[in-house]
Amino acid sequence: MLAQKPVKMVEHAVKGMLPKGPLGRVMFRRLKVYAGPQHPHAAQK
């Protein structure tokens, strides 16, 4: 999993630590995970 889908691995670990239900889904949508050092959120500083 770490070799093929590291993003899914991190998301799975975080999702299990968030509240279950609509509130947890809102929180999870605020998570952006990238395998490499580049990300498209530089404008948000």
PDB file of all heavy atoms in Angstrom:
ATOM      1  N   MET A   1       0.841  -1.205   0.000  1.00  0.00           N
ATOM      2  CA  MET A   1       0.000   0.000   0.000  1.00  0.00           C
ATOM      3  C   MET A   1       0.876   1.256   0.000  1.00  0.00           C
ATOM      4  O   MET A   1       0.588   2.222  -0.715  1.00  0.00           O
ATOM      5  CB  MET A   1      -0.908  -0.011   1.222  1.00  0.00           C
ATOM      6  CG  MET A   1      -1.906   1.087   1.243  1.00  0.00           C
ATOM      7  SD  MET A   1      -3.318   0.681   0.254  1.00  0.00           S
ATOM      8  CE  MET A   1      -4.570   1.568   1.117  1.00  0.00           C
ATOM      9  N   LEU A   2       1.944   1.245   0.780  1.00  0.00           N
ATOM     10  CA  LEU A   2       2.849   2.390   0.847  1.00  0.00           C
ATOM     11  C   LEU A   2       3.545   2.607  -0.494  1.00  0.00           C
ATOM     12  O   LEU A   2       3.736   3.741  -0.919  1.00  0.00           O
ATOM     13  CB  LEU A   2       3.879   2.202   1.957  1.00  0.00           C
ATOM     14  CG  LEU A   2       4.860   3.342   2.193  1.00  0.00           C
ATOM     15  CD1 LEU A   2       4.116   4.620   2.549  1.00  0.00           C
ATOM     16  CD2 LEU A   2       5.844   2.991   3.278  1.00  0.00           C
ATOM     17  N   ALA A   3       3.893   1.535  -1.173  1.00  0.00           N
ATOM     18  CA  ALA A   3       4.576   1.644  -2.459  1.00  0.00           C
ATOM     19  C   ALA A   3       3.623   2.081  -3.573  1.00  0.00           C
ATOM     20  O   ALA A   3       3.999   2.867  -4.445  1.00  0.00           O
ATOM     21  CB  ALA A   3       5.224   0.313  -2.823  1.00  0.00           C
ATOM     22  N   GLN A   4       2.375   1.582  -3.547  1.00  0.00           N
ATOM     23  CA  GLN A   4       1.448   1.837  -4.658  1.00  0.00           C
ATOM     24  C   GLN A   4       0.526   3.020  -4.414  1.00  0.00           C
ATOM     25  O   GLN A   4       0.276   3.803  -5.328  1.00  0.00           O
ATOM     26  CB  GLN A   4       0.607   0.591  -4.928  1.00  0.00           C
ATOM     27  CG  GLN A   4       1.406  -0.560  -5.479  1.00  0.00           C
ATOM     28  CD  GLN A   4       0.561  -1.806  -5.696  1.00  0.00           C
ATOM     29  OE1 GLN A   4      -0.612  -1.844  -5.334  1.00  0.00           O
ATOM     30  NE2 GLN A   4       1.163  -2.828  -6.271  1.00  0.00           N
ATOM     31  N   LYS A   5      -0.028   3.141  -3.209  1.00  0.00           N
ATOM     32  CA  LYS A   5      -1.021   4.180  -2.922  1.00  0.00           C
ATOM     33  C   LYS A   5      -0.739   4.863  -1.585  1.00  0.00           C
ATOM     34  O   LYS A   5      -1.503   4.716  -0.631  1.00  0.00           O
ATOM     35  CB  LYS A   5      -2.422   3.569  -2.880  1.00  0.00           C
ATOM     36  CG  LYS A   5      -2.844   2.915  -4.172  1.00  0.00           C
ATOM     37  CD  LYS A   5      -4.204   2.286  -4.012  1.00  0.00           C
ATOM     38  CE  LYS A   5      -4.603   1.575  -5.284  1.00  0.00           C
ATOM     39  NZ  LYS A   5      -5.875   0.890  -5.151  1.00  0.00           N
ATOM     40  N   PRO A   6       0.358   5.626  -1.493  1.00  0.00           N
ATOM     41  CA  PRO A   6       0.668   6.268  -0.205  1.00  0.00           C
ATOM     42  C   PRO A   6      -0.371   7.312   0.200  1.00  0.00           C
ATOM     43  O   PRO A   6      -0.604   7.519   1.390  1.00  0.00           O
ATOM     44  CB  PRO A   6       2.036   6.905  -0.453  1.00  0.00           C
ATOM     45  CG  PRO A   6       2.136   7.071  -1.918  1.00  0.00           C
ATOM     46  CD  PRO A   6       1.348   5.949  -2.522  1.00  0.00           C
ATOM     47  N   VAL A   7      -1.008   7.954  -0.774  1.00  0.00           N
ATOM     48  CA  VAL A   7      -2.021   8.967  -0.458  1.00  0.00           C
ATOM     49  C   VAL A   7      -3.211   8.313   0.234  1.00  0.00           C
ATOM     50  O   VAL A   7      -3.711   8.806   1.249  1.00  0.00           O
ATOM     51  CB  VAL A   7      -2.459   9.698  -1.751  1.00  0.00           C
ATOM     52  CG1 VAL A   7      -3.647  10.598  -1.484  1.00  0.00           C
ATOM     53  CG2 VAL A   7      -1.299  10.496  -2.322  1.00  0.00           C
ATOM     54  N   LYS A   8      -3.674   7.176  -0.291  1.00  0.00           N
ATOM     55  CA  LYS A   8      -4.801   6.447   0.318  1.00  0.00           C
ATOM     56  C   LYS A   8      -4.454   5.987   1.727  1.00  0.00           C
ATOM     57  O   LYS A   8      -5.311   5.962   2.613  1.00  0.00           O
ATOM     58  CB  LYS A   8      -5.168   5.236  -0.535  1.00  0.00           C
ATOM     59  CG  LYS A   8      -5.791   5.589  -1.843  1.00  0.00           C
ATOM     60  CD  LYS A   8      -7.266   5.459  -1.735  1.00  0.00           C
ATOM     61  CE  LYS A   8      -7.872   5.655  -3.109  1.00  0.00           C
ATOM     62  NZ  LYS A   8      -9.269   5.945  -3.049  1.00  0.00           N
ATOM     63  N   MET A   9      -3.200   5.617   1.935  1.00  0.00           N
ATOM     64  CA  MET A   9      -2.760   5.130   3.246  1.00  0.00           C
ATOM     65  C   MET A   9      -2.867   6.239   4.298  1.00  0.00           C
ATOM     66  O   MET A   9      -3.394   6.015   5.391  1.00  0.00           O
ATOM     67  CB  MET A   9      -1.327   4.639   3.132  1.00  0.00           C
ATOM     68  CG  MET A   9      -0.836   3.851   4.279  1.00  0.00           C
ATOM     69  SD  MET A   9       0.753   3.158   3.809  1.00  0.00           S
ATOM     70  CE  MET A   9       1.211   2.441   5.340  1.00  0.00           C
ATOM     71  N   VAL A  10      -2.402   7.436   3.955  1.00  0.00           N
ATOM     72  CA  VAL A  10      -2.472   8.560   4.892  1.00  0.00           C
ATOM     73  C   VAL A  10      -3.933   8.955   5.111  1.00  0.00           C
ATOM     74  O   VAL A  10      -4.362   9.195   6.246  1.00  0.00           O
ATOM     75  CB  VAL A  10      -1.636   9.750   4.377  1.00  0.00           C
ATOM     76  CG1 VAL A  10      -1.848  10.975   5.240  1.00  0.00           C
ATOM     77  CG2 VAL A  10      -0.162   9.385   4.324  1.00  0.00           C
ATOM     78  N   GLU A  11      -4.722   9.006   4.035  1.00  0.00           N
ATOM     79  CA  GLU A  11      -6.132   9.371   4.164  1.00  0.00           C
ATOM     80  C   GLU A  11      -6.888   8.376   5.036  1.00  0.00           C
ATOM     81  O   GLU A  11      -7.722   8.760   5.851  1.00  0.00           O
ATOM     82  CB  GLU A  11      -6.785   9.452   2.779  1.00  0.00           C
ATOM     83  CG  GLU A  11      -6.365  10.659   1.986  1.00  0.00           C
ATOM     84  CD  GLU A  11      -6.931  10.674   0.585  1.00  0.00           C
ATOM     85  OE1 GLU A  11      -7.488   9.638   0.129  1.00  0.00           O
ATOM     86  OE2 GLU A  11      -6.829  11.721  -0.077  1.00  0.00           O
ATOM     87  N   HIS A  12      -6.592   7.092   4.879  1.00  0.00           N
ATOM     88  CA  HIS A  12      -7.251   6.044   5.674  1.00  0.00           C
ATOM     89  C   HIS A  12      -6.934   6.214   7.153  1.00  0.00           C
ATOM     90  O   HIS A  12      -7.818   6.080   8.013  1.00  0.00           O
ATOM     91  CB  HIS A  12      -6.794   4.672   5.174  1.00  0.00           C
ATOM     92  CG  HIS A  12      -7.461   3.527   5.846  1.00  0.00           C
ATOM     93  ND1 HIS A  12      -6.978   2.973   7.011  1.00  0.00           N
ATOM     94  CD2 HIS A  12      -8.564   2.824   5.532  1.00  0.00           C
ATOM     95  CE1 HIS A  12      -7.765   1.965   7.378  1.00  0.00           C
ATOM     96  NE2 HIS A  12      -8.737   1.859   6.489  1.00  0.00           N
ATOM     97  N   ALA A  13      -5.671   6.523   7.466  1.00  0.00           N
ATOM     98  CA  ALA A  13      -5.262   6.695   8.863  1.00  0.00           C
ATOM     99  C   ALA A  13      -5.948   7.909   9.490  1.00  0.00           C
ATOM    100  O   ALA A  13      -6.406   7.859  10.633  1.00  0.00           O
ATOM    101  CB  ALA A  13      -3.749   6.834   8.946  1.00  0.00           C
ATOM    102  N   VAL A  14      -6.038   8.998   8.731  1.00  0.00           N
ATOM    103  CA  VAL A  14      -6.648  10.225   9.267  1.00  0.00           C
ATOM    104  C   VAL A  14      -8.155  10.050   9.401  1.00  0.00           C
ATOM    105  O   VAL A  14      -8.755  10.462  10.400  1.00  0.00           O
ATOM    106  CB  VAL A  14      -6.312  11.439   8.365  1.00  0.00           C
ATOM    107  CG1 VAL A  14      -7.081  12.666   8.811  1.00  0.00           C
ATOM    108  CG2 VAL A  14      -4.826  11.709   8.384  1.00  0.00           C
ATOM    109  N   LYS A  15      -8.789   9.438   8.402  1.00  0.00           N
ATOM    110  CA  LYS A  15     -10.246   9.286   8.412  1.00  0.00           C
ATOM    111  C   LYS A  15     -10.714   8.487   9.630  1.00  0.00           C
ATOM    112  O   LYS A  15     -11.768   8.770  10.199  1.00  0.00           O
ATOM    113  CB  LYS A  15     -10.704   8.600   7.129  1.00  0.00           C
ATOM    114  CG  LYS A  15     -12.191   8.689   6.907  1.00  0.00           C
ATOM    115  CD  LYS A  15     -12.545   8.198   5.515  1.00  0.00           C
ATOM    116  CE  LYS A  15     -13.959   8.566   5.182  1.00  0.00           C
ATOM    117  NZ  LYS A  15     -14.319   8.203   3.819  1.00  0.00           N
ATOM    118  N   GLY A  16      -9.930   7.506  10.045  1.00  0.00           N
ATOM    119  CA  GLY A  16     -10.292   6.723  11.216  1.00  0.00           C
ATOM    120  C   GLY A  16     -10.223   7.501  12.514  1.00  0.00           C
ATOM    121  O   GLY A  16     -10.797   7.089  13.517  1.00  0.00           O
ATOM    122  N   MET A  17      -9.513   8.633  12.514  1.00  0.00           N
ATOM    123  CA  MET A  17      -9.363   9.442  13.722  1.00  0.00           C
ATOM    124  C   MET A  17     -10.346  10.614  13.786  1.00  0.00           C
ATOM    125  O   MET A  17     -10.358  11.344  14.775  1.00  0.00           O
ATOM    126  CB  MET A  17      -7.938   9.977  13.807  1.00  0.00           C
ATOM    127  CG  MET A  17      -6.909   8.901  13.942  1.00  0.00           C
ATOM    128  SD  MET A  17      -5.265   9.589  14.053  1.00  0.00           S
ATOM    129  CE  MET A  17      -4.296   8.098  14.069  1.00  0.00           C
ATOM    130  N   LEU A  18     -11.142  10.792  12.742  1.00  0.00           N
ATOM    131  CA  LEU A  18     -12.119  11.877  12.712  1.00  0.00           C
ATOM    132  C   LEU A  18     -13.485  11.372  13.178  1.00  0.00           C
ATOM    133  O   LEU A  18     -13.740  10.166  13.154  1.00  0.00           O
ATOM    134  CB  LEU A  18     -12.236  12.439  11.294  1.00  0.00           C
ATOM    135  CG  LEU A  18     -11.019  13.196  10.778  1.00  0.00           C
ATOM    136  CD1 LEU A  18     -11.237  13.603   9.335  1.00  0.00           C
ATOM    137  CD2 LEU A  18     -10.722  14.411  11.625  1.00  0.00           C
ATOM    138  N   PRO A  19     -14.388  12.282  13.577  1.00  0.00           N
ATOM    139  CA  PRO A  19     -15.723  11.855  13.976  1.00  0.00           C
ATOM    140  C   PRO A  19     -16.459  11.207  12.807  1.00  0.00           C
ATOM    141  O   PRO A  19     -16.236  11.562  11.648  1.00  0.00           O
ATOM    142  CB  PRO A  19     -16.426  13.157  14.375  1.00  0.00           C
ATOM    143  CG  PRO A  19     -15.390  14.190  14.473  1.00  0.00           C
ATOM    144  CD  PRO A  19     -14.204  13.729  13.726  1.00  0.00           C
ATOM    145  N   LYS A  20     -17.315  10.257  13.116  1.00  0.00           N
ATOM    146  CA  LYS A  20     -18.113   9.606  12.080  1.00  0.00           C
ATOM    147  C   LYS A  20     -19.371  10.429  11.856  1.00  0.00           C
ATOM    148  O   LYS A  20     -19.899  11.027  12.779  1.00  0.00           O
ATOM    149  CB  LYS A  20     -18.504   8.183  12.487  1.00  0.00           C
ATOM    150  CG  LYS A  20     -17.370   7.258  12.952  1.00  0.00           C
ATOM    151  CD  LYS A  20     -16.098   7.421  12.187  1.00  0.00           C
ATOM    152  CE  LYS A  20     -15.020   6.486  12.696  1.00  0.00           C
ATOM    153  NZ  LYS A  20     -13.861   7.182  13.214  1.00  0.00           N
ATOM    154  N   GLY A  21     -19.857  10.497  10.635  1.00  0.00           N
ATOM    155  CA  GLY A  21     -21.082  11.227  10.330  1.00  0.00           C
ATOM    156  C   GLY A  21     -20.821  12.447   9.470  1.00  0.00           C
ATOM    157  O   GLY A  21     -19.711  12.649   8.958  1.00  0.00           O
ATOM    158  N   PRO A  22     -21.827  13.295   9.316  1.00  0.00           N
ATOM    159  CA  PRO A  22     -21.712  14.457   8.434  1.00  0.00           C
ATOM    160  C   PRO A  22     -20.597  15.430   8.824  1.00  0.00           C
ATOM    161  O   PRO A  22     -19.921  15.969   7.961  1.00  0.00           O
ATOM    162  CB  PRO A  22     -23.073  15.141   8.547  1.00  0.00           C
ATOM    163  CG  PRO A  22     -24.000  14.113   9.058  1.00  0.00           C
ATOM    164  CD  PRO A  22     -23.184  13.168   9.865  1.00  0.00           C
ATOM    165  N   LEU A  23     -20.384  15.641  10.119  1.00  0.00           N
ATOM    166  CA  LEU A  23     -19.342  16.566  10.567  1.00  0.00           C
ATOM    167  C   LEU A  23     -17.954  16.044  10.199  1.00  0.00           C
ATOM    168  O   LEU A  23     -17.101  16.793   9.727  1.00  0.00           O
ATOM    169  CB  LEU A  23     -19.447  16.780  12.077  1.00  0.00           C
ATOM    170  CG  LEU A  23     -18.455  17.763  12.681  1.00  0.00           C
ATOM    171  CD1 LEU A  23     -18.695  19.160  12.134  1.00  0.00           C
ATOM    172  CD2 LEU A  23     -18.561  17.769  14.185  1.00  0.00           C
ATOM    173  N   GLY A  24     -17.729  14.750  10.380  1.00  0.00           N
ATOM    174  CA  GLY A  24     -16.447  14.155  10.021  1.00  0.00           C
ATOM    175  C   GLY A  24     -16.190  14.218   8.528  1.00  0.00           C
ATOM    176  O   GLY A  24     -15.050  14.414   8.092  1.00  0.00           O
ATOM    177  N   ARG A  25     -17.238  14.097   7.719  1.00  0.00           N
ATOM    178  CA  ARG A  25     -17.073  14.178   6.265  1.00  0.00           C
ATOM    179  C   ARG A  25     -16.707  15.595   5.827  1.00  0.00           C
ATOM    180  O   ARG A  25     -15.902  15.778   4.916  1.00  0.00           O
ATOM    181  CB  ARG A  25     -18.331  13.684   5.564  1.00  0.00           C
ATOM    182  CG  ARG A  25     -18.505  12.181   5.696  1.00  0.00           C
ATOM    183  CD  ARG A  25     -19.606  11.651   4.806  1.00  0.00           C
ATOM    184  NE  ARG A  25     -20.942  12.013   5.251  1.00  0.00           N
ATOM    185  CZ  ARG A  25     -21.667  11.326   6.138  1.00  0.00           C
ATOM    186  NH1 ARG A  25     -21.176  10.240   6.702  1.00  0.00           N
ATOM    187  NH2 ARG A  25     -22.883  11.729   6.466  1.00  0.00           N
ATOM    188  N   VAL A  26     -17.264  16.592   6.506  1.00  0.00           N
ATOM    189  CA  VAL A  26     -16.896  17.979   6.213  1.00  0.00           C
ATOM    190  C   VAL A  26     -15.424  18.204   6.550  1.00  0.00           C
ATOM    191  O   VAL A  26     -14.682  18.824   5.781  1.00  0.00           O
ATOM    192  CB  VAL A  26     -17.791  18.965   7.006  1.00  0.00           C
ATOM    193  CG1 VAL A  26     -17.241  20.376   6.944  1.00  0.00           C
ATOM    194  CG2 VAL A  26     -19.205  18.920   6.487  1.00  0.00           C
ATOM    195  N   MET A  27     -14.979  17.688   7.682  1.00  0.00           N
ATOM    196  CA  MET A  27     -13.585  17.838   8.088  1.00  0.00           C
ATOM    197  C   MET A  27     -12.657  17.113   7.118  1.00  0.00           C
ATOM    198  O   MET A  27     -11.595  17.632   6.754  1.00  0.00           O
ATOM    199  CB  MET A  27     -13.393  17.288   9.508  1.00  0.00           C
ATOM    200  CG  MET A  27     -14.068  18.084  10.569  1.00  0.00           C
ATOM    201  SD  MET A  27     -13.914  17.244  12.151  1.00  0.00           S
ATOM    202  CE  MET A  27     -14.888  18.298  13.190  1.00  0.00           C
ATOM    203  N   PHE A  28     -13.054  15.914   6.690  1.00  0.00           N
ATOM    204  CA  PHE A  28     -12.197  15.113   5.810  1.00  0.00           C
ATOM    205  C   PHE A  28     -12.022  15.773   4.444  1.00  0.00           C
ATOM    206  O   PHE A  28     -10.970  15.644   3.814  1.00  0.00           O
ATOM    207  CB  PHE A  28     -12.779  13.706   5.651  1.00  0.00           C
ATOM    208  CG  PHE A  28     -11.890  12.782   4.876  1.00  0.00           C
ATOM    209  CD1 PHE A  28     -10.702  12.331   5.415  1.00  0.00           C
ATOM    210  CD2 PHE A  28     -12.234  12.368   3.604  1.00  0.00           C
ATOM    211  CE1 PHE A  28      -9.870  11.484   4.705  1.00  0.00           C
ATOM    212  CE2 PHE A  28     -11.414  11.519   2.882  1.00  0.00           C
ATOM    213  CZ  PHE A  28     -10.231  11.079   3.435  1.00  0.00           C
ATOM    214  N   ARG A  29     -13.027  16.506   3.994  1.00  0.00           N
ATOM    215  CA  ARG A  29     -12.914  17.192   2.699  1.00  0.00           C
ATOM    216  C   ARG A  29     -11.872  18.305   2.729  1.00  0.00           C
ATOM    217  O   ARG A  29     -11.409  18.759   1.682  1.00  0.00           O
ATOM    218  CB  ARG A  29     -14.264  17.777   2.285  1.00  0.00           C
ATOM    219  CG  ARG A  29     -15.184  16.756   1.675  1.00  0.00           C
ATOM    220  CD  ARG A  29     -16.345  17.417   0.968  1.00  0.00           C
ATOM    221  NE  ARG A  29     -17.261  18.091   1.879  1.00  0.00           N
ATOM    222  CZ  ARG A  29     -18.361  17.544   2.380  1.00  0.00           C
ATOM    223  NH1 ARG A  29     -18.684  16.302   2.080  1.00  0.00           N
ATOM    224  NH2 ARG A  29     -19.133  18.232   3.191  1.00  0.00           N
ATOM    225  N   ARG A  30     -11.487  18.746   3.908  1.00  0.00           N
ATOM    226  CA  ARG A  30     -10.468  19.792   4.037  1.00  0.00           C
ATOM    227  C   ARG A  30      -9.045  19.237   4.022  1.00  0.00           C
ATOM    228  O   ARG A  30      -8.092  19.995   4.181  1.00  0.00           O
ATOM    229  CB  ARG A  30     -10.685  20.570   5.340  1.00  0.00           C
ATOM    230  CG  ARG A  30     -11.966  21.367   5.330  1.00  0.00           C
ATOM    231  CD  ARG A  30     -12.137  22.120   6.610  1.00  0.00           C
ATOM    232  NE  ARG A  30     -13.337  22.952   6.563  1.00  0.00           N
ATOM    233  CZ  ARG A  30     -13.765  23.676   7.560  1.00  0.00           C
ATOM    234  NH1 ARG A  30     -13.103  23.690   8.703  1.00  0.00           N
ATOM    235  NH2 ARG A  30     -14.857  24.399   7.443  1.00  0.00           N
ATOM    236  N   LEU A  31      -8.899  17.933   3.852  1.00  0.00           N
ATOM    237  CA  LEU A  31      -7.587  17.296   3.812  1.00  0.00           C
ATOM    238  C   LEU A  31      -7.146  17.118   2.370  1.00  0.00           C
ATOM    239  O   LEU A  31      -7.884  16.562   1.552  1.00  0.00           O
ATOM    240  CB  LEU A  31      -7.638  15.935   4.522  1.00  0.00           C
ATOM    241  CG  LEU A  31      -6.378  15.078   4.453  1.00  0.00           C
ATOM    242  CD1 LEU A  31      -5.226  15.759   5.180  1.00  0.00           C
ATOM    243  CD2 LEU A  31      -6.637  13.707   5.046  1.00  0.00           C
ATOM    244  N   LYS A  32      -5.943  17.573   2.049  1.00  0.00           N
ATOM    245  CA  LYS A  32      -5.356  17.422   0.718  1.00  0.00           C
ATOM    246  C   LYS A  32      -4.014  16.728   0.889  1.00  0.00           C
ATOM    247  O   LYS A  32      -3.113  17.253   1.543  1.00  0.00           O
ATOM    248  CB  LYS A  32      -5.129  18.780   0.041  1.00  0.00           C
ATOM    249  CG  LYS A  32      -6.273  19.758   0.157  1.00  0.00           C
ATOM    250  CD  LYS A  32      -7.488  19.328  -0.605  1.00  0.00           C
ATOM    251  CE  LYS A  32      -8.587  20.375  -0.454  1.00  0.00           C
ATOM    252  NZ  LYS A  32      -9.879  19.896  -0.827  1.00  0.00           N
ATOM    253  N   VAL A  33      -3.878  15.522   0.314  1.00  0.00           N
ATOM    254  CA  VAL A  33      -2.662  14.728   0.476  1.00  0.00           C
ATOM    255  C   VAL A  33      -2.000  14.545  -0.886  1.00  0.00           C
ATOM    256  O   VAL A  33      -2.676  14.220  -1.869  1.00  0.00           O
ATOM    257  CB  VAL A  33      -2.974  13.346   1.104  1.00  0.00           C
ATOM    258  CG1 VAL A  33      -1.691  12.564   1.345  1.00  0.00           C
ATOM    259  CG2 VAL A  33      -3.737  13.503   2.404  1.00  0.00           C
ATOM    260  N   TYR A  34      -0.674  14.711  -0.928  1.00  0.00           N
ATOM    261  CA  TYR A  34       0.091  14.563  -2.165  1.00  0.00           C
ATOM    262  C   TYR A  34       1.303  13.683  -1.895  1.00  0.00           C
ATOM    263  O   TYR A  34       1.965  13.807  -0.856  1.00  0.00           O
ATOM    264  CB  TYR A  34       0.524  15.927  -2.701  1.00  0.00           C
ATOM    265  CG  TYR A  34      -0.669  16.800  -3.012  1.00  0.00           C
ATOM    266  CD1 TYR A  34      -1.120  17.754  -2.098  1.00  0.00           C
ATOM    267  CD2 TYR A  34      -1.387  16.633  -4.181  1.00  0.00           C
ATOM    268  CE1 TYR A  34      -2.228  18.525  -2.364  1.00  0.00           C
ATOM    269  CE2 TYR A  34      -2.507  17.404  -4.458  1.00  0.00           C
ATOM    270  CZ  TYR A  34      -2.922  18.345  -3.546  1.00  0.00           C
ATOM    271  OH  TYR A  34      -4.038  19.086  -3.803  1.00  0.00           O
ATOM    272  N   ALA A  35       1.617  12.806  -2.858  1.00  0.00           N
ATOM    273  CA  ALA A  35       2.712  11.857  -2.689  1.00  0.00           C
ATOM    274  C   ALA A  35       4.069  12.552  -2.747  1.00  0.00           C
ATOM    275  O   ALA A  35       4.988  12.178  -2.026  1.00  0.00           O
ATOM    276  CB  ALA A  35       2.633  10.770  -3.758  1.00  0.00           C
ATOM    277  N   GLY A  36       4.219  13.545  -3.581  1.00  0.00           N
ATOM    278  CA  GLY A  36       5.502  14.226  -3.740  1.00  0.00           C
ATOM    279  C   GLY A  36       5.556  15.548  -2.997  1.00  0.00           C
ATOM    280  O   GLY A  36       4.642  15.912  -2.259  1.00  0.00           O
ATOM    281  N   PRO A  37       6.646  16.309  -3.236  1.00  0.00           N
ATOM    282  CA  PRO A  37       6.805  17.588  -2.533  1.00  0.00           C
ATOM    283  C   PRO A  37       6.027  18.747  -3.155  1.00  0.00           C
ATOM    284  O   PRO A  37       5.951  19.815  -2.570  1.00  0.00           O
ATOM    285  CB  PRO A  37       8.316  17.843  -2.618  1.00  0.00           C
ATOM    286  CG  PRO A  37       8.737  17.128  -3.845  1.00  0.00           C
ATOM    287  CD  PRO A  37       7.849  15.933  -3.974  1.00  0.00           C
ATOM    288  N   GLN A  38       5.437  18.555  -4.339  1.00  0.00           N
ATOM    289  CA  GLN A  38       4.707  19.623  -5.014  1.00  0.00           C
ATOM    290  C   GLN A  38       3.224  19.577  -4.649  1.00  0.00           C
ATOM    291  O   GLN A  38       2.660  18.498  -4.500  1.00  0.00           O
ATOM    292  CB  GLN A  38       4.852  19.486  -6.534  1.00  0.00           C
ATOM    293  CG  GLN A  38       6.295  19.487  -7.014  1.00  0.00           C
ATOM    294  CD  GLN A  38       7.009  20.787  -6.698  1.00  0.00           C
ATOM    295  OE1 GLN A  38       6.410  21.851  -6.736  1.00  0.00           O
ATOM    296  NE2 GLN A  38       8.295  20.698  -6.377  1.00  0.00           N
ATOM    297  N   HIS A  39       2.602  20.759  -4.534  1.00  0.00           N
ATOM    298  CA  HIS A  39       1.159  20.840  -4.294  1.00  0.00           C
ATOM    299  C   HIS A  39       0.623  22.098  -4.965  1.00  0.00           C
ATOM    300  O   HIS A  39       1.347  23.090  -5.107  1.00  0.00           O
ATOM    301  CB  HIS A  39       0.840  20.840  -2.792  1.00  0.00           C
ATOM    302  CG  HIS A  39       1.342  22.042  -2.068  1.00  0.00           C
ATOM    303  ND1 HIS A  39       0.610  23.204  -1.963  1.00  0.00           N
ATOM    304  CD2 HIS A  39       2.515  22.285  -1.430  1.00  0.00           C
ATOM    305  CE1 HIS A  39       1.306  24.096  -1.272  1.00  0.00           C
ATOM    306  NE2 HIS A  39       2.462  23.569  -0.946  1.00  0.00           N
ATOM    307  N   PRO A  40      -0.658  22.088  -5.388  1.00  0.00           N
ATOM    308  CA  PRO A  40      -1.220  23.240  -6.100  1.00  0.00           C
ATOM    309  C   PRO A  40      -1.885  24.285  -5.197  1.00  0.00           C
ATOM    310  O   PRO A  40      -2.704  25.054  -5.671  1.00  0.00           O
ATOM    311  CB  PRO A  40      -2.266  22.584  -7.009  1.00  0.00           C
ATOM    312  CG  PRO A  40      -2.730  21.417  -6.240  1.00  0.00           C
ATOM    313  CD  PRO A  40      -1.532  20.918  -5.480  1.00  0.00           C
ATOM    314  N   HIS A  41      -1.537  24.319  -3.918  1.00  0.00           N
ATOM    315  CA  HIS A  41      -2.208  25.220  -2.979  1.00  0.00           C
ATOM    316  C   HIS A  41      -1.296  26.349  -2.501  1.00  0.00           C
ATOM    317  O   HIS A  41      -1.473  26.848  -1.386  1.00  0.00           O
ATOM    318  CB  HIS A  41      -2.729  24.422  -1.781  1.00  0.00           C
ATOM    319  CG  HIS A  41      -3.632  23.315  -2.164  1.00  0.00           C
ATOM    320  ND1 HIS A  41      -4.915  23.523  -2.595  1.00  0.00           N
ATOM    321  CD2 HIS A  41      -3.420  21.983  -2.222  1.00  0.00           C
ATOM    322  CE1 HIS A  41      -5.476  22.362  -2.888  1.00  0.00           C
ATOM    323  NE2 HIS A  41      -4.590  21.415  -2.673  1.00  0.00           N
ATOM    324  N   ALA A  42      -0.358  26.761  -3.334  1.00  0.00           N
ATOM    325  CA  ALA A  42       0.561  27.841  -2.938  1.00  0.00           C
ATOM    326  C   ALA A  42      -0.177  29.169  -2.785  1.00  0.00           C
ATOM    327  O   ALA A  42       0.214  30.009  -1.966  1.00  0.00           O
ATOM    328  CB  ALA A  42       1.681  27.972  -3.961  1.00  0.00           C
ATOM    329  N   ALA A  43      -1.246  29.367  -3.545  1.00  0.00           N
ATOM    330  CA  ALA A  43      -1.990  30.623  -3.471  1.00  0.00           C
ATOM    331  C   ALA A  43      -2.673  30.812  -2.116  1.00  0.00           C
ATOM    332  O   ALA A  43      -2.925  31.948  -1.697  1.00  0.00           O
ATOM    333  CB  ALA A  43      -3.035  30.682  -4.585  1.00  0.00           C
ATOM    334  N   GLN A  44      -2.971  29.727  -1.419  1.00  0.00           N
ATOM    335  CA  GLN A  44      -3.605  29.830  -0.108  1.00  0.00           C
ATOM    336  C   GLN A  44      -2.600  30.173   0.993  1.00  0.00           C
ATOM    337  O   GLN A  44      -2.987  30.406   2.126  1.00  0.00           O
ATOM    338  CB  GLN A  44      -4.317  28.513   0.252  1.00  0.00           C
ATOM    339  CG  GLN A  44      -5.635  28.326  -0.444  1.00  0.00           C
ATOM    340  CD  GLN A  44      -5.485  27.950  -1.913  1.00  0.00           C
ATOM    341  OE1 GLN A  44      -4.468  27.438  -2.325  1.00  0.00           O
ATOM    342  NE2 GLN A  44      -6.513  28.226  -2.694  1.00  0.00           N
ATOM    343  N   LYS A  45      -1.316  30.175   0.682  1.00  0.00           N
ATOM    344  CA  LYS A  45      -0.233  30.483   1.618  1.00  0.00           C
ATOM    345  C   LYS A  45      -0.336  29.655   2.896  1.00  0.00           C
ATOM    346  O   LYS A  45      -0.528  30.186   3.997  1.00  0.00           O
ATOM    347  CB  LYS A  45      -0.230  31.969   1.954  1.00  0.00           C
ATOM    348  CG  LYS A  45       0.013  32.832   0.746  1.00  0.00           C
ATOM    349  CD  LYS A  45      -0.019  34.290   1.100  1.00  0.00           C
ATOM    350  CE  LYS A  45       0.171  35.095  -0.174  1.00  0.00           C
ATOM    351  NZ  LYS A  45      -0.363  36.425  -0.089  1.00  0.00           N
TER     352      LYS A  45
END
